[in-house]
Amino acid sequence: MALERLREGLAFVGLQEEWSLSICLFHAKFGGPCRKLEFLDTRPGKNVASTYDTTILNGWVDEMDRPVYAEAVKIFNADLEKFGVSHESCTACYEEAGLDLTL
Protein backbone atom coordinates (compact mmCIF):
# COMPACT_ATOMS: atom_id res chain seq x y z
CA MET A 1 0.00 0.00 0.00
CA ALA A 2 2.86 2.40 0.79
CA LEU A 3 4.37 1.88 -2.67
CA GLU A 4 1.02 2.51 -4.32
CA ARG A 5 0.49 5.71 -2.37
CA LEU A 6 3.99 6.86 -3.21
CA ARG A 7 3.44 6.22 -6.93
CA GLU A 8 -0.14 7.46 -7.20
CA GLY A 9 -0.97 9.61 -4.18
CA LEU A 10 1.78 12.22 -4.19
CA ALA A 11 2.25 15.12 -6.58
CA PHE A 12 5.92 15.50 -5.67
CA VAL A 13 8.72 13.39 -4.25
CA GLY A 14 11.93 15.04 -3.06
CA LEU A 15 14.88 13.66 -1.14
CA GLN A 16 16.26 15.16 2.05
CA GLU A 17 19.83 14.28 1.07
CA GLU A 18 19.28 16.13 -2.23
CA TRP A 19 17.51 19.13 -0.69
CA SER A 20 18.70 21.88 -3.04
CA LEU A 21 18.04 19.72 -6.09
CA SER A 22 14.60 18.82 -4.68
CA ILE A 23 13.71 22.52 -4.29
CA CYS A 24 14.84 23.22 -7.85
CA LEU A 25 12.91 20.21 -9.18
CA PHE A 26 9.78 21.37 -7.37
CA HIS A 27 9.99 24.73 -9.14
CA ALA A 28 10.74 23.12 -12.50
CA LYS A 29 7.65 20.96 -12.07
CA PHE A 30 5.22 23.48 -10.59
CA GLY A 31 6.72 26.91 -11.32
CA GLY A 32 7.15 29.89 -9.05
CA PRO A 33 10.25 31.72 -7.91
CA CYS A 34 13.04 30.07 -5.93
CA ARG A 35 13.32 31.69 -2.51
CA LYS A 36 16.23 31.58 -0.09
CA LEU A 37 13.95 30.49 2.76
CA GLU A 38 13.21 27.20 0.96
CA PHE A 39 16.87 26.23 1.17
CA LEU A 40 17.29 26.97 4.90
CA ASP A 41 17.35 24.36 7.65
CA THR A 42 14.37 25.62 9.63
CA ARG A 43 14.62 22.82 12.21
CA PRO A 44 18.33 22.50 13.00
CA GLY A 45 18.10 20.94 16.47
CA LYS A 46 21.04 20.44 18.82
CA ASN A 47 24.15 18.39 18.12
CA VAL A 48 23.17 17.61 14.54
CA ALA A 49 25.91 15.89 12.57
CA SER A 50 26.04 15.56 8.80
CA THR A 51 25.83 11.78 9.16
CA TYR A 52 24.08 9.70 11.75
CA ASP A 53 25.83 7.26 14.05
CA THR A 54 23.93 4.06 13.37
CA THR A 55 26.10 1.79 15.56
CA ILE A 56 23.30 1.75 18.16
CA LEU A 57 21.24 -0.27 15.65
CA ASN A 58 23.74 -3.16 15.84
CA GLY A 59 23.33 -3.83 12.12
CA TRP A 60 19.52 -3.82 12.18
CA VAL A 61 17.95 -2.66 8.92
CA ASP A 62 14.30 -1.75 8.36
CA GLU A 63 13.59 -4.15 5.51
CA MET A 64 10.05 -2.85 5.04
CA ASP A 65 11.32 0.69 4.45
CA ARG A 66 13.93 -0.22 1.83
CA PRO A 67 11.52 -0.76 -1.10
CA VAL A 68 9.64 2.45 -0.24
CA TYR A 69 12.84 4.49 -0.18
CA ALA A 70 14.09 2.81 -3.37
CA GLU A 71 10.83 3.73 -5.13
CA ALA A 72 11.10 7.33 -3.89
CA VAL A 73 14.63 7.54 -5.34
CA LYS A 74 13.38 6.05 -8.60
CA ILE A 75 10.54 8.61 -8.84
CA PHE A 76 12.89 11.47 -7.94
CA ASN A 77 15.46 10.46 -10.56
CA ALA A 78 12.77 9.98 -13.22
CA ASP A 79 11.43 13.48 -12.51
CA LEU A 80 14.96 14.93 -12.70
CA GLU A 81 15.27 13.46 -16.18
CA LYS A 82 11.71 14.34 -17.25
CA PHE A 83 12.10 18.00 -16.25
CA GLY A 84 15.78 18.30 -17.26
CA VAL A 85 16.92 19.16 -13.75
CA SER A 86 20.53 18.96 -12.58
CA HIS A 87 22.73 21.12 -10.37
CA GLU A 88 23.97 22.77 -13.55
CA SER A 89 20.46 23.53 -14.81
CA CYS A 90 19.50 24.82 -11.35
CA THR A 91 22.06 27.62 -11.33
CA ALA A 92 19.37 30.19 -12.18
CA CYS A 93 17.14 28.93 -9.34
CA TYR A 94 20.04 29.05 -6.87
CA GLU A 95 21.00 32.55 -8.02
CA GLU A 96 17.37 33.71 -7.84
CA ALA A 97 17.37 32.58 -4.20
CA GLY A 98 20.63 34.44 -3.58
CA LEU A 99 22.63 31.27 -3.01
CA ASP A 100 25.88 29.87 -4.33
CA LEU A 101 25.26 26.14 -4.39
CA THR A 102 27.34 25.32 -7.44
CA LEU A 103 29.43 22.19 -7.15
PDB file of N, CA and C in Angstrom:
ATOM      1  N   MET A   1       0.823  -1.182   0.000  1.00  0.00           N
ATOM      2  CA  MET A   1       0.000   0.000   0.000  1.00  0.00           C
ATOM      3  C   MET A   1       0.878   1.262   0.000  1.00  0.00           C
ATOM      4  N   ALA A   2       1.977   1.230   0.726  1.00  0.00           N
ATOM      5  CA  ALA A   2       2.856   2.397   0.790  1.00  0.00           C
ATOM      6  C   ALA A   2       3.449   2.704  -0.587  1.00  0.00           C
ATOM      7  N   LEU A   3       3.828   1.679  -1.322  1.00  0.00           N
ATOM      8  CA  LEU A   3       4.374   1.884  -2.667  1.00  0.00           C
ATOM      9  C   LEU A   3       3.320   2.478  -3.595  1.00  0.00           C
ATOM     10  N   GLU A   4       2.110   1.992  -3.501  1.00  0.00           N
ATOM     11  CA  GLU A   4       1.020   2.507  -4.323  1.00  0.00           C
ATOM     12  C   GLU A   4       0.755   3.983  -4.012  1.00  0.00           C
ATOM     13  N   ARG A   5       0.722   4.311  -2.749  1.00  0.00           N
ATOM     14  CA  ARG A   5       0.491   5.710  -2.367  1.00  0.00           C
ATOM     15  C   ARG A   5       1.630   6.610  -2.828  1.00  0.00           C
ATOM     16  N   LEU A   6       2.832   6.098  -2.750  1.00  0.00           N
ATOM     17  CA  LEU A   6       3.990   6.862  -3.213  1.00  0.00           C
ATOM     18  C   LEU A   6       3.895   7.122  -4.712  1.00  0.00           C
ATOM     19  N   ARG A   7       3.533   6.102  -5.464  1.00  0.00           N
ATOM     20  CA  ARG A   7       3.435   6.223  -6.929  1.00  0.00           C
ATOM     21  C   ARG A   7       2.234   7.056  -7.368  1.00  0.00           C
ATOM     22  N   GLU A   8       1.102   6.895  -6.693  1.00  0.00           N
ATOM     23  CA  GLU A   8      -0.140   7.462  -7.196  1.00  0.00           C
ATOM     24  C   GLU A   8      -0.754   8.558  -6.324  1.00  0.00           C
ATOM     25  N   GLY A   9      -0.310   8.686  -5.092  1.00  0.00           N
ATOM     26  CA  GLY A   9      -0.968   9.607  -4.183  1.00  0.00           C
ATOM     27  C   GLY A   9      -0.224  10.901  -3.917  1.00  0.00           C
ATOM     28  N   LEU A  10       0.980  11.032  -4.451  1.00  0.00           N
ATOM     29  CA  LEU A  10       1.778  12.222  -4.194  1.00  0.00           C
ATOM     30  C   LEU A  10       2.054  12.976  -5.485  1.00  0.00           C
ATOM     31  N   ALA A  11       1.952  14.280  -5.417  1.00  0.00           N
ATOM     32  CA  ALA A  11       2.251  15.117  -6.584  1.00  0.00           C
ATOM     33  C   ALA A  11       3.740  15.361  -6.719  1.00  0.00           C
ATOM     34  N   PHE A  12       4.490  15.216  -5.627  1.00  0.00           N
ATOM     35  CA  PHE A  12       5.921  15.504  -5.667  1.00  0.00           C
ATOM     36  C   PHE A  12       6.663  14.621  -4.679  1.00  0.00           C
ATOM     37  N   VAL A  13       7.826  14.147  -5.112  1.00  0.00           N
ATOM     38  CA  VAL A  13       8.722  13.386  -4.246  1.00  0.00           C
ATOM     39  C   VAL A  13      10.090  14.043  -4.315  1.00  0.00           C
ATOM     40  N   GLY A  14      10.578  14.500  -3.174  1.00  0.00           N
ATOM     41  CA  GLY A  14      11.931  15.040  -3.061  1.00  0.00           C
ATOM     42  C   GLY A  14      12.716  14.196  -2.086  1.00  0.00           C
ATOM     43  N   LEU A  15      14.026  14.407  -2.052  1.00  0.00           N
ATOM     44  CA  LEU A  15      14.884  13.656  -1.144  1.00  0.00           C
ATOM     45  C   LEU A  15      15.619  14.607  -0.216  1.00  0.00           C
ATOM     46  N   GLN A  16      15.606  14.312   1.060  1.00  0.00           N
ATOM     47  CA  GLN A  16      16.258  15.161   2.053  1.00  0.00           C
ATOM     48  C   GLN A  16      17.738  15.311   1.740  1.00  0.00           C
ATOM     49  N   GLU A  17      18.386  14.232   1.337  1.00  0.00           N
ATOM     50  CA  GLU A  17      19.825  14.284   1.073  1.00  0.00           C
ATOM     51  C   GLU A  17      20.155  15.001  -0.242  1.00  0.00           C
ATOM     52  N   GLU A  18      19.135  15.346  -0.999  1.00  0.00           N
ATOM     53  CA  GLU A  18      19.280  16.134  -2.231  1.00  0.00           C
ATOM     54  C   GLU A  18      18.374  17.356  -2.129  1.00  0.00           C
ATOM     55  N   TRP A  19      18.446  18.053  -0.983  1.00  0.00           N
ATOM     56  CA  TRP A  19      17.511  19.127  -0.689  1.00  0.00           C
ATOM     57  C   TRP A  19      17.509  20.216  -1.749  1.00  0.00           C
ATOM     58  N   SER A  20      18.672  20.773  -2.082  1.00  0.00           N
ATOM     59  CA  SER A  20      18.702  21.880  -3.040  1.00  0.00           C
ATOM     60  C   SER A  20      18.175  21.442  -4.400  1.00  0.00           C
ATOM     61  N   LEU A  21      18.529  20.240  -4.816  1.00  0.00           N
ATOM     62  CA  LEU A  21      18.040  19.719  -6.087  1.00  0.00           C
ATOM     63  C   LEU A  21      16.534  19.462  -6.021  1.00  0.00           C
ATOM     64  N   SER A  22      16.039  19.036  -4.862  1.00  0.00           N
ATOM     65  CA  SER A  22      14.603  18.824  -4.679  1.00  0.00           C
ATOM     66  C   SER A  22      13.832  20.128  -4.795  1.00  0.00           C
ATOM     67  N   ILE A  23      14.359  21.203  -4.201  1.00  0.00           N
ATOM     68  CA  ILE A  23      13.709  22.517  -4.290  1.00  0.00           C
ATOM     69  C   ILE A  23      13.665  22.966  -5.745  1.00  0.00           C
ATOM     70  N   CYS A  24      14.774  22.833  -6.438  1.00  0.00           N
ATOM     71  CA  CYS A  24      14.837  23.220  -7.848  1.00  0.00           C
ATOM     72  C   CYS A  24      13.869  22.389  -8.688  1.00  0.00           C
ATOM     73  N   LEU A  25      13.825  21.092  -8.449  1.00  0.00           N
ATOM     74  CA  LEU A  25      12.909  20.214  -9.179  1.00  0.00           C
ATOM     75  C   LEU A  25      11.463  20.622  -8.921  1.00  0.00           C
ATOM     76  N   PHE A  26      11.136  20.939  -7.692  1.00  0.00           N
ATOM     77  CA  PHE A  26       9.782  21.373  -7.365  1.00  0.00           C
ATOM     78  C   PHE A  26       9.390  22.568  -8.235  1.00  0.00           C
ATOM     79  N   HIS A  27      10.280  23.537  -8.347  1.00  0.00           N
ATOM     80  CA  HIS A  27       9.986  24.732  -9.143  1.00  0.00           C
ATOM     81  C   HIS A  27       9.957  24.429 -10.638  1.00  0.00           C
ATOM     82  N   ALA A  28      10.779  23.510 -11.080  1.00  0.00           N
ATOM     83  CA  ALA A  28      10.740  23.117 -12.499  1.00  0.00           C
ATOM     84  C   ALA A  28       9.406  22.451 -12.813  1.00  0.00           C
ATOM     85  N   LYS A  29       8.887  21.707 -11.873  1.00  0.00           N
ATOM     86  CA  LYS A  29       7.648  20.959 -12.075  1.00  0.00           C
ATOM     87  C   LYS A  29       6.407  21.834 -11.909  1.00  0.00           C
ATOM     88  N   PHE A  30       6.418  22.727 -10.919  1.00  0.00           N
ATOM     89  CA  PHE A  30       5.216  23.482 -10.585  1.00  0.00           C
ATOM     90  C   PHE A  30       5.322  24.989 -10.820  1.00  0.00           C
ATOM     91  N   GLY A  31       6.524  25.488 -11.081  1.00  0.00           N
ATOM     92  CA  GLY A  31       6.717  26.910 -11.323  1.00  0.00           C
ATOM     93  C   GLY A  31       6.936  27.690 -10.045  1.00  0.00           C
ATOM     94  N   GLY A  32       6.946  29.001 -10.186  1.00  0.00           N
ATOM     95  CA  GLY A  32       7.149  29.889  -9.049  1.00  0.00           C
ATOM     96  C   GLY A  32       8.613  30.198  -8.833  1.00  0.00           C
ATOM     97  N   PRO A  33       8.870  31.298  -8.138  1.00  0.00           N
ATOM     98  CA  PRO A  33      10.254  31.720  -7.909  1.00  0.00           C
ATOM     99  C   PRO A  33      10.933  30.881  -6.830  1.00  0.00           C
ATOM    100  N   CYS A  34      12.235  30.725  -6.962  1.00  0.00           N
ATOM    101  CA  CYS A  34      13.043  30.068  -5.932  1.00  0.00           C
ATOM    102  C   CYS A  34      13.360  31.107  -4.860  1.00  0.00           C
ATOM    103  N   ARG A  35      13.114  30.762  -3.628  1.00  0.00           N
ATOM    104  CA  ARG A  35      13.319  31.687  -2.512  1.00  0.00           C
ATOM    105  C   ARG A  35      14.356  31.116  -1.544  1.00  0.00           C
ATOM    106  N   LYS A  36      15.165  31.998  -1.006  1.00  0.00           N
ATOM    107  CA  LYS A  36      16.230  31.583  -0.090  1.00  0.00           C
ATOM    108  C   LYS A  36      15.682  30.772   1.084  1.00  0.00           C
ATOM    109  N   LEU A  37      14.546  31.167   1.611  1.00  0.00           N
ATOM    110  CA  LEU A  37      13.947  30.485   2.758  1.00  0.00           C
ATOM    111  C   LEU A  37      13.747  28.987   2.510  1.00  0.00           C
ATOM    112  N   GLU A  38      13.449  28.619   1.275  1.00  0.00           N
ATOM    113  CA  GLU A  38      13.209  27.205   0.957  1.00  0.00           C
ATOM    114  C   GLU A  38      14.457  26.349   1.145  1.00  0.00           C
ATOM    115  N   PHE A  39      15.614  26.961   1.086  1.00  0.00           N
ATOM    116  CA  PHE A  39      16.871  26.227   1.175  1.00  0.00           C
ATOM    117  C   PHE A  39      17.429  26.178   2.595  1.00  0.00           C
ATOM    118  N   LEU A  40      16.799  26.903   3.529  1.00  0.00           N
ATOM    119  CA  LEU A  40      17.291  26.970   4.897  1.00  0.00           C
ATOM    120  C   LEU A  40      16.859  25.758   5.714  1.00  0.00           C
ATOM    121  N   ASP A  41      17.694  25.406   6.690  1.00  0.00           N
ATOM    122  CA  ASP A  41      17.347  24.363   7.647  1.00  0.00           C
ATOM    123  C   ASP A  41      16.544  25.039   8.746  1.00  0.00           C
ATOM    124  N   THR A  42      15.238  24.925   8.676  1.00  0.00           N
ATOM    125  CA  THR A  42      14.372  25.615   9.630  1.00  0.00           C
ATOM    126  C   THR A  42      14.165  24.828  10.916  1.00  0.00           C
ATOM    127  N   ARG A  43      14.732  23.639  11.003  1.00  0.00           N
ATOM    128  CA  ARG A  43      14.616  22.818  12.210  1.00  0.00           C
ATOM    129  C   ARG A  43      15.975  22.194  12.533  1.00  0.00           C
ATOM    130  N   PRO A  44      16.977  23.023  12.850  1.00  0.00           N
ATOM    131  CA  PRO A  44      18.329  22.502  12.998  1.00  0.00           C
ATOM    132  C   PRO A  44      18.557  21.583  14.196  1.00  0.00           C
ATOM    133  N   GLY A  45      17.900  21.793  15.304  1.00  0.00           N
ATOM    134  CA  GLY A  45      18.102  20.941  16.470  1.00  0.00           C
ATOM    135  C   GLY A  45      19.495  21.091  17.053  1.00  0.00           C
ATOM    136  N   LYS A  46      19.739  20.395  18.155  1.00  0.00           N
ATOM    137  CA  LYS A  46      21.040  20.443  18.816  1.00  0.00           C
ATOM    138  C   LYS A  46      21.888  19.250  18.395  1.00  0.00           C
ATOM    139  N   ASN A  47      23.185  19.472  18.367  1.00  0.00           N
ATOM    140  CA  ASN A  47      24.152  18.395  18.122  1.00  0.00           C
ATOM    141  C   ASN A  47      23.844  17.598  16.862  1.00  0.00           C
ATOM    142  N   VAL A  48      23.498  18.286  15.790  1.00  0.00           N
ATOM    143  CA  VAL A  48      23.170  17.606  14.540  1.00  0.00           C
ATOM    144  C   VAL A  48      24.442  17.418  13.731  1.00  0.00           C
ATOM    145  N   ALA A  49      24.736  16.206  13.390  1.00  0.00           N
ATOM    146  CA  ALA A  49      25.906  15.893  12.565  1.00  0.00           C
ATOM    147  C   ALA A  49      25.452  15.688  11.128  1.00  0.00           C
ATOM    148  N   SER A  50      26.390  15.750  10.208  1.00  0.00           N
ATOM    149  CA  SER A  50      26.043  15.565   8.800  1.00  0.00           C
ATOM    150  C   SER A  50      25.709  14.107   8.491  1.00  0.00           C
ATOM    151  N   THR A  51      26.183  13.202   9.312  1.00  0.00           N
ATOM    152  CA  THR A  51      25.832  11.784   9.164  1.00  0.00           C
ATOM    153  C   THR A  51      25.392  11.269  10.532  1.00  0.00           C
ATOM    154  N   TYR A  52      24.587  10.255  10.506  1.00  0.00           N
ATOM    155  CA  TYR A  52      24.078   9.696  11.747  1.00  0.00           C
ATOM    156  C   TYR A  52      24.935   8.527  12.194  1.00  0.00           C
ATOM    157  N   ASP A  53      25.133   8.406  13.480  1.00  0.00           N
ATOM    158  CA  ASP A  53      25.830   7.264  14.049  1.00  0.00           C
ATOM    159  C   ASP A  53      24.806   6.150  14.201  1.00  0.00           C
ATOM    160  N   THR A  54      24.905   5.154  13.362  1.00  0.00           N
ATOM    161  CA  THR A  54      23.930   4.060  13.370  1.00  0.00           C
ATOM    162  C   THR A  54      24.429   2.832  14.134  1.00  0.00           C
ATOM    163  N   THR A  55      25.559   2.956  14.834  1.00  0.00           N
ATOM    164  CA  THR A  55      26.097   1.792  15.555  1.00  0.00           C
ATOM    165  C   THR A  55      25.117   1.276  16.610  1.00  0.00           C
ATOM    166  N   ILE A  56      24.285   2.159  17.144  1.00  0.00           N
ATOM    167  CA  ILE A  56      23.305   1.753  18.156  1.00  0.00           C
ATOM    168  C   ILE A  56      22.315   0.720  17.601  1.00  0.00           C
ATOM    169  N   LEU A  57      22.172   0.679  16.281  1.00  0.00           N
ATOM    170  CA  LEU A  57      21.242  -0.270  15.654  1.00  0.00           C
ATOM    171  C   LEU A  57      21.801  -1.683  15.581  1.00  0.00           C
ATOM    172  N   ASN A  58      23.093  -1.846  15.861  1.00  0.00           N
ATOM    173  CA  ASN A  58      23.738  -3.162  15.840  1.00  0.00           C
ATOM    174  C   ASN A  58      23.473  -3.921  14.544  1.00  0.00           C
ATOM    175  N   GLY A  59      23.510  -3.197  13.420  1.00  0.00           N
ATOM    176  CA  GLY A  59      23.335  -3.832  12.115  1.00  0.00           C
ATOM    177  C   GLY A  59      21.890  -4.016  11.677  1.00  0.00           C
ATOM    178  N   TRP A  60      20.933  -3.672  12.530  1.00  0.00           N
ATOM    179  CA  TRP A  60      19.522  -3.816  12.179  1.00  0.00           C
ATOM    180  C   TRP A  60      19.171  -2.897  11.018  1.00  0.00           C
ATOM    181  N   VAL A  61      18.397  -3.417  10.087  1.00  0.00           N
ATOM    182  CA  VAL A  61      17.946  -2.659   8.917  1.00  0.00           C
ATOM    183  C   VAL A  61      16.431  -2.809   8.815  1.00  0.00           C
ATOM    184  N   ASP A  62      15.757  -1.714   8.532  1.00  0.00           N
ATOM    185  CA  ASP A  62      14.300  -1.746   8.359  1.00  0.00           C
ATOM    186  C   ASP A  62      13.998  -2.247   6.945  1.00  0.00           C
ATOM    187  N   GLU A  63      13.801  -3.524   6.826  1.00  0.00           N
ATOM    188  CA  GLU A  63      13.592  -4.150   5.510  1.00  0.00           C
ATOM    189  C   GLU A  63      12.295  -3.697   4.841  1.00  0.00           C
ATOM    190  N   MET A  64      11.303  -3.305   5.628  1.00  0.00           N
ATOM    191  CA  MET A  64      10.047  -2.847   5.043  1.00  0.00           C
ATOM    192  C   MET A  64      10.198  -1.461   4.411  1.00  0.00           C
ATOM    193  N   ASP A  65      11.113  -0.671   4.936  1.00  0.00           N
ATOM    194  CA  ASP A  65      11.316   0.689   4.449  1.00  0.00           C
ATOM    195  C   ASP A  65      12.150   0.728   3.166  1.00  0.00           C
ATOM    196  N   ARG A  66      13.014  -0.236   2.984  1.00  0.00           N
ATOM    197  CA  ARG A  66      13.925  -0.217   1.833  1.00  0.00           C
ATOM    198  C   ARG A  66      13.214  -0.105   0.486  1.00  0.00           C
ATOM    199  N   PRO A  67      12.180  -0.897   0.200  1.00  0.00           N
ATOM    200  CA  PRO A  67      11.515  -0.763  -1.095  1.00  0.00           C
ATOM    201  C   PRO A  67      10.807   0.589  -1.265  1.00  0.00           C
ATOM    202  N   VAL A  68      10.314   1.151  -0.173  1.00  0.00           N
ATOM    203  CA  VAL A  68       9.638   2.448  -0.240  1.00  0.00           C
ATOM    204  C   VAL A  68      10.656   3.531  -0.585  1.00  0.00           C
ATOM    205  N   TYR A  69      11.791   3.510   0.098  1.00  0.00           N
ATOM    206  CA  TYR A  69      12.836   4.489  -0.182  1.00  0.00           C
ATOM    207  C   TYR A  69      13.378   4.305  -1.600  1.00  0.00           C
ATOM    208  N   ALA A  70      13.590   3.079  -2.014  1.00  0.00           N
ATOM    209  CA  ALA A  70      14.091   2.806  -3.369  1.00  0.00           C
ATOM    210  C   ALA A  70      13.124   3.348  -4.420  1.00  0.00           C
ATOM    211  N   GLU A  71      11.835   3.209  -4.192  1.00  0.00           N
ATOM    212  CA  GLU A  71      10.832   3.731  -5.126  1.00  0.00           C
ATOM    213  C   GLU A  71      10.847   5.257  -5.129  1.00  0.00           C
ATOM    214  N   ALA A  72      11.016   5.866  -3.968  1.00  0.00           N
ATOM    215  CA  ALA A  72      11.104   7.328  -3.888  1.00  0.00           C
ATOM    216  C   ALA A  72      12.298   7.833  -4.691  1.00  0.00           C
ATOM    217  N   VAL A  73      13.433   7.170  -4.571  1.00  0.00           N
ATOM    218  CA  VAL A  73      14.633   7.541  -5.336  1.00  0.00           C
ATOM    219  C   VAL A  73      14.374   7.375  -6.826  1.00  0.00           C
ATOM    220  N   LYS A  74      13.714   6.301  -7.194  1.00  0.00           N
ATOM    221  CA  LYS A  74      13.382   6.048  -8.600  1.00  0.00           C
ATOM    222  C   LYS A  74      12.483   7.155  -9.157  1.00  0.00           C
ATOM    223  N   ILE A  75      11.461   7.538  -8.425  1.00  0.00           N
ATOM    224  CA  ILE A  75      10.540   8.606  -8.845  1.00  0.00           C
ATOM    225  C   ILE A  75      11.296   9.928  -8.952  1.00  0.00           C
ATOM    226  N   PHE A  76      12.103  10.232  -7.951  1.00  0.00           N
ATOM    227  CA  PHE A  76      12.886  11.468  -7.940  1.00  0.00           C
ATOM    228  C   PHE A  76      13.798  11.540  -9.164  1.00  0.00           C
ATOM    229  N   ASN A  77      14.543  10.477  -9.416  1.00  0.00           N
ATOM    230  CA  ASN A  77      15.460  10.460 -10.561  1.00  0.00           C
ATOM    231  C   ASN A  77      14.718  10.548 -11.895  1.00  0.00           C
ATOM    232  N   ALA A  78      13.573   9.901 -11.991  1.00  0.00           N
ATOM    233  CA  ALA A  78      12.770   9.980 -13.217  1.00  0.00           C
ATOM    234  C   ALA A  78      12.281  11.405 -13.446  1.00  0.00           C
ATOM    235  N   ASP A  79      11.874  12.082 -12.385  1.00  0.00           N
ATOM    236  CA  ASP A  79      11.434  13.478 -12.515  1.00  0.00           C
ATOM    237  C   ASP A  79      12.598  14.397 -12.863  1.00  0.00           C
ATOM    238  N   LEU A  80      13.792  14.140 -12.313  1.00  0.00           N
ATOM    239  CA  LEU A  80      14.959  14.930 -12.695  1.00  0.00           C
ATOM    240  C   LEU A  80      15.165  14.865 -14.200  1.00  0.00           C
ATOM    241  N   GLU A  81      15.082  13.655 -14.733  1.00  0.00           N
ATOM    242  CA  GLU A  81      15.273  13.461 -16.178  1.00  0.00           C
ATOM    243  C   GLU A  81      14.121  14.089 -16.966  1.00  0.00           C
ATOM    244  N   LYS A  82      12.897  13.834 -16.542  1.00  0.00           N
ATOM    245  CA  LYS A  82      11.713  14.336 -17.250  1.00  0.00           C
ATOM    246  C   LYS A  82      11.716  15.863 -17.356  1.00  0.00           C
ATOM    247  N   PHE A  83      12.136  16.537 -16.277  1.00  0.00           N
ATOM    248  CA  PHE A  83      12.103  17.999 -16.252  1.00  0.00           C
ATOM    249  C   PHE A  83      13.467  18.630 -16.543  1.00  0.00           C
ATOM    250  N   GLY A  84      14.454  17.793 -16.894  1.00  0.00           N
ATOM    251  CA  GLY A  84      15.778  18.296 -17.263  1.00  0.00           C
ATOM    252  C   GLY A  84      16.483  19.028 -16.130  1.00  0.00           C
ATOM    253  N   VAL A  85      16.362  18.494 -14.925  1.00  0.00           N
ATOM    254  CA  VAL A  85      16.924  19.161 -13.749  1.00  0.00           C
ATOM    255  C   VAL A  85      18.241  18.509 -13.332  1.00  0.00           C
ATOM    256  N   SER A  86      19.225  19.359 -13.103  1.00  0.00           N
ATOM    257  CA  SER A  86      20.531  18.958 -12.579  1.00  0.00           C
ATOM    258  C   SER A  86      21.070  20.154 -11.806  1.00  0.00           C
ATOM    259  N   HIS A  87      22.153  19.969 -11.069  1.00  0.00           N
ATOM    260  CA  HIS A  87      22.732  21.118 -10.370  1.00  0.00           C
ATOM    261  C   HIS A  87      23.122  22.205 -11.371  1.00  0.00           C
ATOM    262  N   GLU A  88      23.585  21.799 -12.524  1.00  0.00           N
ATOM    263  CA  GLU A  88      23.969  22.771 -13.550  1.00  0.00           C
ATOM    264  C   GLU A  88      22.750  23.546 -14.050  1.00  0.00           C
ATOM    265  N   SER A  89      21.654  22.855 -14.308  1.00  0.00           N
ATOM    266  CA  SER A  89      20.456  23.532 -14.813  1.00  0.00           C
ATOM    267  C   SER A  89      19.770  24.357 -13.716  1.00  0.00           C
ATOM    268  N   CYS A  90      20.124  24.115 -12.474  1.00  0.00           N
ATOM    269  CA  CYS A  90      19.497  24.821 -11.355  1.00  0.00           C
ATOM    270  C   CYS A  90      20.227  26.100 -10.970  1.00  0.00           C
ATOM    271  N   THR A  91      21.290  26.428 -11.666  1.00  0.00           N
ATOM    272  CA  THR A  91      22.065  27.621 -11.329  1.00  0.00           C
ATOM    273  C   THR A  91      21.177  28.856 -11.241  1.00  0.00           C
ATOM    274  N   ALA A  92      20.258  29.023 -12.194  1.00  0.00           N
ATOM    275  CA  ALA A  92      19.370  30.191 -12.180  1.00  0.00           C
ATOM    276  C   ALA A  92      18.472  30.190 -10.939  1.00  0.00           C
ATOM    277  N   CYS A  93      17.977  29.043 -10.544  1.00  0.00           N
ATOM    278  CA  CYS A  93      17.142  28.932  -9.338  1.00  0.00           C
ATOM    279  C   CYS A  93      17.969  29.302  -8.108  1.00  0.00           C
ATOM    280  N   TYR A  94      19.178  28.760  -8.007  1.00  0.00           N
ATOM    281  CA  TYR A  94      20.045  29.050  -6.874  1.00  0.00           C
ATOM    282  C   TYR A  94      20.373  30.539  -6.814  1.00  0.00           C
ATOM    283  N   GLU A  95      20.677  31.112  -7.963  1.00  0.00           N
ATOM    284  CA  GLU A  95      20.998  32.548  -8.015  1.00  0.00           C
ATOM    285  C   GLU A  95      19.789  33.395  -7.649  1.00  0.00           C
ATOM    286  N   GLU A  96      18.605  32.996  -8.143  1.00  0.00           N
ATOM    287  CA  GLU A  96      17.375  33.713  -7.835  1.00  0.00           C
ATOM    288  C   GLU A  96      17.133  33.744  -6.313  1.00  0.00           C
ATOM    289  N   ALA A  97      17.526  32.676  -5.649  1.00  0.00           N
ATOM    290  CA  ALA A  97      17.369  32.580  -4.197  1.00  0.00           C
ATOM    291  C   ALA A  97      18.511  33.255  -3.455  1.00  0.00           C
ATOM    292  N   GLY A  98      19.497  33.772  -4.215  1.00  0.00           N
ATOM    293  CA  GLY A  98      20.630  34.438  -3.579  1.00  0.00           C
ATOM    294  C   GLY A  98      21.621  33.487  -2.965  1.00  0.00           C
ATOM    295  N   LEU A  99      21.737  32.293  -3.547  1.00  0.00           N
ATOM    296  CA  LEU A  99      22.634  31.265  -3.015  1.00  0.00           C
ATOM    297  C   LEU A  99      23.739  30.944  -3.995  1.00  0.00           C
ATOM    298  N   ASP A 100      24.819  30.406  -3.482  1.00  0.00           N
ATOM    299  CA  ASP A 100      25.883  29.870  -4.327  1.00  0.00           C
ATOM    300  C   ASP A 100      26.019  28.401  -3.979  1.00  0.00           C
ATOM    301  N   LEU A 101      25.258  27.579  -4.663  1.00  0.00           N
ATOM    302  CA  LEU A 101      25.264  26.137  -4.392  1.00  0.00           C
ATOM    303  C   LEU A 101      25.916  25.349  -5.511  1.00  0.00           C
ATOM    304  N   THR A 102      26.685  26.013  -6.341  1.00  0.00           N
ATOM    305  CA  THR A 102      27.341  25.319  -7.443  1.00  0.00           C
ATOM    306  C   THR A 102      28.342  24.330  -6.891  1.00  0.00           C
ATOM    307  N   LEU A 103      28.516  23.244  -7.600  1.00  0.00           N
ATOM    308  CA  LEU A 103      29.425  22.191  -7.149  1.00  0.00           C
ATOM    309  C   LEU A 103      30.843  22.467  -7.545  1.00  0.00           C
TER     310      LEU A 103
END
